[in-house]
Every structure is written in C-alpha cells, then in structure tokens.
N, C-alpha and C. Protein backbone atom coordinates (compact mmCIF):
# COMPACT_ATOMS: atom_id res chain seq x y z
N ARG A 1 -140.95 -13.76 -53.55
CA ARG A 1 -139.79 -13.37 -54.35
C ARG A 1 -140.01 -12.00 -54.99
N VAL A 2 -141.15 -11.80 -55.61
CA VAL A 2 -141.46 -10.50 -56.23
C VAL A 2 -141.55 -9.42 -55.16
N ALA A 3 -142.23 -9.72 -54.06
CA ALA A 3 -142.38 -8.75 -52.98
C ALA A 3 -141.02 -8.41 -52.36
N ALA A 4 -140.20 -9.41 -52.14
CA ALA A 4 -138.87 -9.16 -51.54
C ALA A 4 -138.03 -8.28 -52.45
N ARG A 5 -138.08 -8.52 -53.73
CA ARG A 5 -137.30 -7.72 -54.69
C ARG A 5 -137.78 -6.26 -54.68
N LEU A 6 -139.10 -6.08 -54.64
CA LEU A 6 -139.64 -4.72 -54.62
C LEU A 6 -139.22 -4.00 -53.35
N LEU A 7 -139.32 -4.66 -52.20
CA LEU A 7 -138.94 -4.03 -50.93
C LEU A 7 -137.46 -3.68 -50.90
N GLU A 8 -136.63 -4.55 -51.45
CA GLU A 8 -135.18 -4.28 -51.48
C GLU A 8 -134.85 -3.08 -52.35
N GLY A 9 -135.68 -2.78 -53.33
CA GLY A 9 -135.42 -1.68 -54.24
C GLY A 9 -136.00 -0.34 -53.81
N LEU A 10 -136.69 -0.31 -52.68
CA LEU A 10 -137.28 0.96 -52.23
C LEU A 10 -136.19 1.92 -51.77
N PRO A 11 -136.34 3.20 -52.11
CA PRO A 11 -135.35 4.19 -51.67
C PRO A 11 -135.57 4.57 -50.21
N GLU A 12 -134.55 5.18 -49.64
CA GLU A 12 -134.69 5.75 -48.29
C GLU A 12 -135.49 7.04 -48.41
N PRO A 13 -136.23 7.41 -47.41
CA PRO A 13 -136.38 6.81 -46.10
C PRO A 13 -137.43 5.70 -46.05
N PHE A 14 -138.05 5.39 -47.18
CA PHE A 14 -139.13 4.40 -47.19
C PHE A 14 -138.64 3.02 -46.73
N ALA A 15 -137.50 2.61 -47.23
CA ALA A 15 -137.00 1.27 -46.91
C ALA A 15 -136.78 1.09 -45.41
N SER A 16 -136.16 2.06 -44.77
CA SER A 16 -135.88 1.90 -43.34
C SER A 16 -137.16 1.95 -42.50
N ARG A 17 -138.14 2.73 -42.92
CA ARG A 17 -139.39 2.78 -42.17
C ARG A 17 -140.20 1.50 -42.30
N LEU A 18 -139.98 0.78 -43.38
CA LEU A 18 -140.68 -0.49 -43.60
C LEU A 18 -139.88 -1.70 -43.13
N ALA A 19 -138.69 -1.49 -42.63
CA ALA A 19 -137.77 -2.59 -42.33
C ALA A 19 -138.36 -3.61 -41.37
N ASP A 20 -139.16 -3.17 -40.41
CA ASP A 20 -139.71 -4.13 -39.45
C ASP A 20 -141.21 -4.37 -39.65
N VAL A 21 -141.69 -4.09 -40.86
CA VAL A 21 -143.09 -4.38 -41.20
C VAL A 21 -143.08 -5.65 -42.06
N PRO A 22 -143.51 -6.77 -41.50
CA PRO A 22 -143.46 -8.01 -42.27
C PRO A 22 -144.50 -8.04 -43.38
N VAL A 23 -144.15 -8.72 -44.46
CA VAL A 23 -145.10 -9.04 -45.52
C VAL A 23 -145.42 -10.51 -45.34
N VAL A 24 -146.68 -10.78 -45.04
CA VAL A 24 -147.14 -12.12 -44.70
C VAL A 24 -147.99 -12.65 -45.85
N LEU A 25 -147.81 -13.92 -46.18
CA LEU A 25 -148.62 -14.56 -47.21
C LEU A 25 -149.69 -15.42 -46.54
N GLU A 26 -150.94 -15.17 -46.92
CA GLU A 26 -152.05 -15.99 -46.47
C GLU A 26 -152.87 -16.34 -47.70
N PRO A 27 -153.55 -17.49 -47.70
CA PRO A 27 -154.29 -17.86 -48.90
C PRO A 27 -155.44 -16.91 -49.22
N ARG A 28 -156.26 -16.63 -48.23
CA ARG A 28 -157.43 -15.76 -48.43
C ARG A 28 -157.74 -15.04 -47.12
N PRO A 29 -158.55 -13.97 -47.18
CA PRO A 29 -158.96 -13.32 -45.94
C PRO A 29 -159.70 -14.31 -45.03
N GLY A 30 -159.46 -14.19 -43.74
CA GLY A 30 -160.10 -15.08 -42.78
C GLY A 30 -161.58 -14.78 -42.61
N ALA A 31 -162.28 -15.72 -42.00
CA ALA A 31 -163.72 -15.62 -41.80
C ALA A 31 -164.10 -14.38 -40.99
N ALA A 32 -163.31 -14.03 -39.98
CA ALA A 32 -163.63 -12.85 -39.16
C ALA A 32 -163.56 -11.57 -39.98
N LEU A 33 -162.55 -11.45 -40.83
CA LEU A 33 -162.44 -10.27 -41.70
C LEU A 33 -163.64 -10.18 -42.64
N VAL A 34 -163.96 -11.30 -43.26
CA VAL A 34 -165.08 -11.32 -44.22
C VAL A 34 -166.39 -11.01 -43.50
N ALA A 35 -166.58 -11.53 -42.30
CA ALA A 35 -167.79 -11.25 -41.52
C ALA A 35 -167.90 -9.76 -41.19
N ASP A 36 -166.75 -9.07 -41.08
CA ASP A 36 -166.74 -7.63 -40.83
C ASP A 36 -166.92 -6.81 -42.10
N GLY A 37 -167.13 -7.47 -43.24
CA GLY A 37 -167.38 -6.76 -44.48
C GLY A 37 -166.21 -6.66 -45.42
N PHE A 38 -165.08 -7.28 -45.08
CA PHE A 38 -163.90 -7.25 -45.95
C PHE A 38 -164.16 -8.12 -47.17
N ASP A 39 -163.75 -7.65 -48.34
CA ASP A 39 -163.96 -8.37 -49.60
C ASP A 39 -163.18 -9.68 -49.59
N PRO A 40 -163.84 -10.82 -49.70
CA PRO A 40 -163.13 -12.10 -49.68
C PRO A 40 -162.24 -12.31 -50.89
N ARG A 41 -162.40 -11.47 -51.93
CA ARG A 41 -161.58 -11.57 -53.14
C ARG A 41 -160.39 -10.62 -53.13
N ALA A 42 -160.18 -9.91 -52.03
CA ALA A 42 -159.10 -8.91 -51.94
C ALA A 42 -157.74 -9.56 -52.17
N PHE A 43 -156.82 -8.76 -52.69
CA PHE A 43 -155.46 -9.23 -52.96
C PHE A 43 -154.51 -8.93 -51.81
N GLY A 44 -154.83 -7.93 -51.00
CA GLY A 44 -153.92 -7.55 -49.93
C GLY A 44 -154.62 -6.78 -48.83
N LEU A 45 -153.87 -6.56 -47.74
CA LEU A 45 -154.40 -5.86 -46.58
C LEU A 45 -153.24 -5.28 -45.78
N PHE A 46 -153.42 -4.05 -45.31
CA PHE A 46 -152.49 -3.47 -44.34
C PHE A 46 -153.19 -3.48 -43.00
N GLU A 47 -152.52 -3.98 -41.97
CA GLU A 47 -153.06 -4.01 -40.62
C GLU A 47 -152.08 -3.34 -39.67
N GLY A 48 -152.64 -2.70 -38.64
CA GLY A 48 -151.80 -2.11 -37.61
C GLY A 48 -151.67 -0.61 -37.76
N PRO A 49 -150.85 -0.02 -36.88
CA PRO A 49 -150.68 1.43 -36.94
C PRO A 49 -149.89 1.85 -38.17
N GLU A 50 -150.28 2.98 -38.73
CA GLU A 50 -149.54 3.51 -39.88
C GLU A 50 -148.23 4.14 -39.39
N ASP A 51 -147.42 4.55 -40.33
CA ASP A 51 -146.08 5.07 -40.03
C ASP A 51 -146.10 6.20 -39.02
N PHE A 52 -146.98 7.19 -39.19
CA PHE A 52 -147.02 8.32 -38.27
C PHE A 52 -147.33 7.86 -36.85
N GLY A 53 -148.29 6.97 -36.70
CA GLY A 53 -148.64 6.46 -35.38
C GLY A 53 -147.49 5.72 -34.73
N ARG A 54 -146.74 4.97 -35.52
CA ARG A 54 -145.59 4.24 -34.99
C ARG A 54 -144.50 5.21 -34.54
N ARG A 55 -144.25 6.25 -35.34
CA ARG A 55 -143.20 7.21 -34.99
C ARG A 55 -143.59 8.11 -33.84
N SER A 56 -144.90 8.30 -33.61
CA SER A 56 -145.34 9.13 -32.49
C SER A 56 -145.53 8.29 -31.22
N HIS A 57 -145.14 7.01 -31.30
CA HIS A 57 -145.21 6.09 -30.17
C HIS A 57 -146.63 5.90 -29.66
N ALA A 58 -147.58 5.92 -30.58
CA ALA A 58 -148.97 5.65 -30.20
C ALA A 58 -149.07 4.24 -29.63
N VAL A 59 -149.87 4.10 -28.62
CA VAL A 59 -150.04 2.80 -27.98
C VAL A 59 -150.97 1.95 -28.84
N THR A 60 -150.52 0.75 -29.15
CA THR A 60 -151.34 -0.17 -29.93
C THR A 60 -151.10 -1.58 -29.44
N ASP A 61 -152.08 -2.41 -29.63
CA ASP A 61 -151.95 -3.80 -29.19
C ASP A 61 -151.55 -4.74 -30.32
N ARG A 62 -151.29 -4.19 -31.49
CA ARG A 62 -150.89 -5.05 -32.60
C ARG A 62 -149.84 -4.36 -33.46
N PRO A 63 -148.94 -5.14 -33.99
CA PRO A 63 -147.90 -4.57 -34.85
C PRO A 63 -148.44 -4.32 -36.26
N SER A 64 -147.73 -3.51 -36.99
CA SER A 64 -148.07 -3.29 -38.40
C SER A 64 -147.64 -4.51 -39.21
N ARG A 65 -148.43 -4.83 -40.23
CA ARG A 65 -148.04 -5.89 -41.16
C ARG A 65 -148.82 -5.72 -42.45
N ILE A 66 -148.25 -6.26 -43.51
CA ILE A 66 -148.90 -6.28 -44.81
C ILE A 66 -149.18 -7.74 -45.14
N VAL A 67 -150.40 -8.01 -45.56
CA VAL A 67 -150.79 -9.37 -45.92
C VAL A 67 -151.09 -9.41 -47.41
N LEU A 68 -150.50 -10.38 -48.10
CA LEU A 68 -150.83 -10.65 -49.50
C LEU A 68 -151.60 -11.97 -49.54
N PHE A 69 -152.76 -11.96 -50.18
CA PHE A 69 -153.59 -13.15 -50.27
C PHE A 69 -153.26 -13.89 -51.57
N TRP A 70 -152.34 -14.83 -51.44
CA TRP A 70 -151.76 -15.49 -52.61
C TRP A 70 -152.77 -16.30 -53.41
N ALA A 71 -153.72 -16.97 -52.78
CA ALA A 71 -154.69 -17.76 -53.55
C ALA A 71 -155.59 -16.86 -54.38
N ASN A 72 -155.98 -15.71 -53.83
CA ASN A 72 -156.79 -14.76 -54.60
C ASN A 72 -156.01 -14.21 -55.78
N LEU A 73 -154.74 -13.91 -55.56
CA LEU A 73 -153.89 -13.42 -56.66
C LEU A 73 -153.75 -14.48 -57.75
N LEU A 74 -153.51 -15.72 -57.35
CA LEU A 74 -153.37 -16.79 -58.34
C LEU A 74 -154.67 -17.04 -59.10
N ASP A 75 -155.80 -16.96 -58.41
CA ASP A 75 -157.10 -17.15 -59.06
C ASP A 75 -157.35 -16.10 -60.13
N ALA A 76 -156.94 -14.87 -59.86
CA ALA A 76 -157.24 -13.75 -60.76
C ALA A 76 -156.21 -13.58 -61.87
N PHE A 77 -154.98 -14.03 -61.65
CA PHE A 77 -153.91 -13.77 -62.60
C PHE A 77 -153.13 -15.06 -62.85
N GLY A 78 -153.55 -15.81 -63.87
CA GLY A 78 -152.88 -17.06 -64.20
C GLY A 78 -151.56 -16.87 -64.91
N ASP A 79 -151.44 -15.79 -65.65
CA ASP A 79 -150.22 -15.50 -66.39
C ASP A 79 -149.16 -14.97 -65.42
N GLU A 80 -147.96 -15.53 -65.47
CA GLU A 80 -146.91 -15.16 -64.51
C GLU A 80 -146.54 -13.68 -64.58
N THR A 81 -146.50 -13.12 -65.77
CA THR A 81 -146.16 -11.70 -65.92
C THR A 81 -147.23 -10.83 -65.27
N GLN A 82 -148.49 -11.14 -65.54
CA GLN A 82 -149.59 -10.38 -64.93
C GLN A 82 -149.59 -10.56 -63.41
N LEU A 83 -149.33 -11.77 -62.95
CA LEU A 83 -149.30 -12.04 -61.52
C LEU A 83 -148.22 -11.21 -60.84
N HIS A 84 -147.02 -11.20 -61.40
CA HIS A 84 -145.93 -10.42 -60.81
C HIS A 84 -146.27 -8.93 -60.78
N ALA A 85 -146.87 -8.44 -61.87
CA ALA A 85 -147.24 -7.02 -61.92
C ALA A 85 -148.28 -6.70 -60.84
N GLU A 86 -149.26 -7.58 -60.66
CA GLU A 86 -150.29 -7.33 -59.65
C GLU A 86 -149.75 -7.44 -58.23
N VAL A 87 -148.83 -8.35 -57.99
CA VAL A 87 -148.20 -8.43 -56.66
C VAL A 87 -147.51 -7.10 -56.36
N GLU A 88 -146.81 -6.54 -57.33
CA GLU A 88 -146.14 -5.24 -57.13
C GLU A 88 -147.16 -4.14 -56.84
N VAL A 89 -148.23 -4.07 -57.64
CA VAL A 89 -149.25 -3.04 -57.44
C VAL A 89 -149.90 -3.20 -56.07
N THR A 90 -150.24 -4.44 -55.72
CA THR A 90 -150.89 -4.69 -54.43
C THR A 90 -149.98 -4.32 -53.27
N LEU A 91 -148.73 -4.71 -53.35
CA LEU A 91 -147.79 -4.38 -52.28
C LEU A 91 -147.60 -2.87 -52.16
N LEU A 92 -147.45 -2.17 -53.27
CA LEU A 92 -147.32 -0.71 -53.22
C LEU A 92 -148.59 -0.07 -52.67
N HIS A 93 -149.75 -0.62 -53.02
CA HIS A 93 -151.03 -0.13 -52.49
C HIS A 93 -151.04 -0.23 -50.96
N GLU A 94 -150.65 -1.38 -50.44
CA GLU A 94 -150.65 -1.57 -48.99
C GLU A 94 -149.56 -0.73 -48.31
N ILE A 95 -148.43 -0.55 -48.96
CA ILE A 95 -147.39 0.35 -48.45
C ILE A 95 -147.93 1.78 -48.36
N GLY A 96 -148.73 2.17 -49.36
CA GLY A 96 -149.38 3.48 -49.32
C GLY A 96 -150.23 3.65 -48.08
N HIS A 97 -150.97 2.61 -47.71
CA HIS A 97 -151.77 2.67 -46.48
C HIS A 97 -150.87 2.80 -45.25
N PHE A 98 -149.75 2.09 -45.24
CA PHE A 98 -148.80 2.21 -44.14
C PHE A 98 -148.34 3.66 -43.97
N PHE A 99 -148.15 4.35 -45.08
CA PHE A 99 -147.70 5.74 -45.02
C PHE A 99 -148.85 6.74 -44.90
N GLY A 100 -150.06 6.24 -44.62
CA GLY A 100 -151.17 7.12 -44.28
C GLY A 100 -152.14 7.46 -45.39
N LEU A 101 -151.98 6.89 -46.57
CA LEU A 101 -152.91 7.18 -47.66
C LEU A 101 -154.18 6.36 -47.49
N ASP A 102 -155.33 6.99 -47.78
CA ASP A 102 -156.58 6.25 -47.78
C ASP A 102 -156.79 5.65 -49.17
N GLU A 103 -157.94 5.01 -49.39
CA GLU A 103 -158.20 4.37 -50.69
C GLU A 103 -158.13 5.37 -51.84
N ASP A 104 -158.70 6.56 -51.65
CA ASP A 104 -158.64 7.57 -52.71
C ASP A 104 -157.20 7.96 -53.01
N GLY A 105 -156.38 8.06 -51.97
CA GLY A 105 -154.98 8.44 -52.15
C GLY A 105 -154.19 7.41 -52.94
N VAL A 106 -154.37 6.13 -52.60
CA VAL A 106 -153.62 5.11 -53.34
C VAL A 106 -154.19 4.94 -54.74
N ASP A 107 -155.50 5.09 -54.90
CA ASP A 107 -156.10 5.02 -56.24
C ASP A 107 -155.58 6.15 -57.13
N ALA A 108 -155.41 7.35 -56.55
CA ALA A 108 -154.91 8.49 -57.31
C ALA A 108 -153.49 8.25 -57.83
N LEU A 109 -152.76 7.36 -57.16
CA LEU A 109 -151.41 7.01 -57.62
C LEU A 109 -151.43 5.86 -58.63
N GLY A 110 -152.63 5.39 -58.99
CA GLY A 110 -152.75 4.29 -59.94
C GLY A 110 -152.54 2.93 -59.30
N LEU A 111 -152.74 2.84 -57.99
CA LEU A 111 -152.48 1.59 -57.26
C LEU A 111 -153.79 0.97 -56.78
N ARG A 112 -154.68 0.70 -57.70
CA ARG A 112 -155.99 0.09 -57.37
C ARG A 112 -155.83 -1.35 -57.02
C-alpha cells in the first residue's frame, strides 16, 4: 500500500520508466543471495538491468524488479509510522539503483 502510493505519486518521466518494473514482496533475502555475501538483514534489492541498459536494448536474461523484504522491515520497525517511512526510503533507494546510482549516489541523496 505504501509502495503503491509512492509509485503513483512519482512525476514523469520517472513514473513511465518504472511502469513495467514490478515491486515484489519477499520475507527475507534467499539463501543464494546470502551465500553470495548479500546482507540477510537488508530491506530491499534492485535486480536486473538499470534504466539506461533497458533503453539501449541491452541483452539480458532477466527483467528488472525491485524487492522489498517485508519481514526484515517489520523486525526493524515495529511502529507503523516508522515502518511506512522506511518503506518509502527503501523503495526510493532501489529506484535510485534502477536509474543508475551506486550506493554512494543513493546515500548522498539521504536514501540509506
């Protein structure tokens, strides 16, 4: 609900570029991700080609998607107001990755 509201409020051209990028809810990162060094306590993940790669028709075997790890978010933020705020920050953080920002870039925007 929070994620859907945020996505609906995005201005153009951001909204149209994200229109076919699903936001998927999973409880926690999978074992394969964690085995590859991904933080099991992470709140979100962007997977797939970023916006530039998609627009340049780069060949890829997987679509872009944003994953929110709902159990990790609930574990860390019991208060509903804090939870909603963190879902927004996490989603914007992952959207930043979709648009090509690295960790330093999204952190510089205050989206840790």
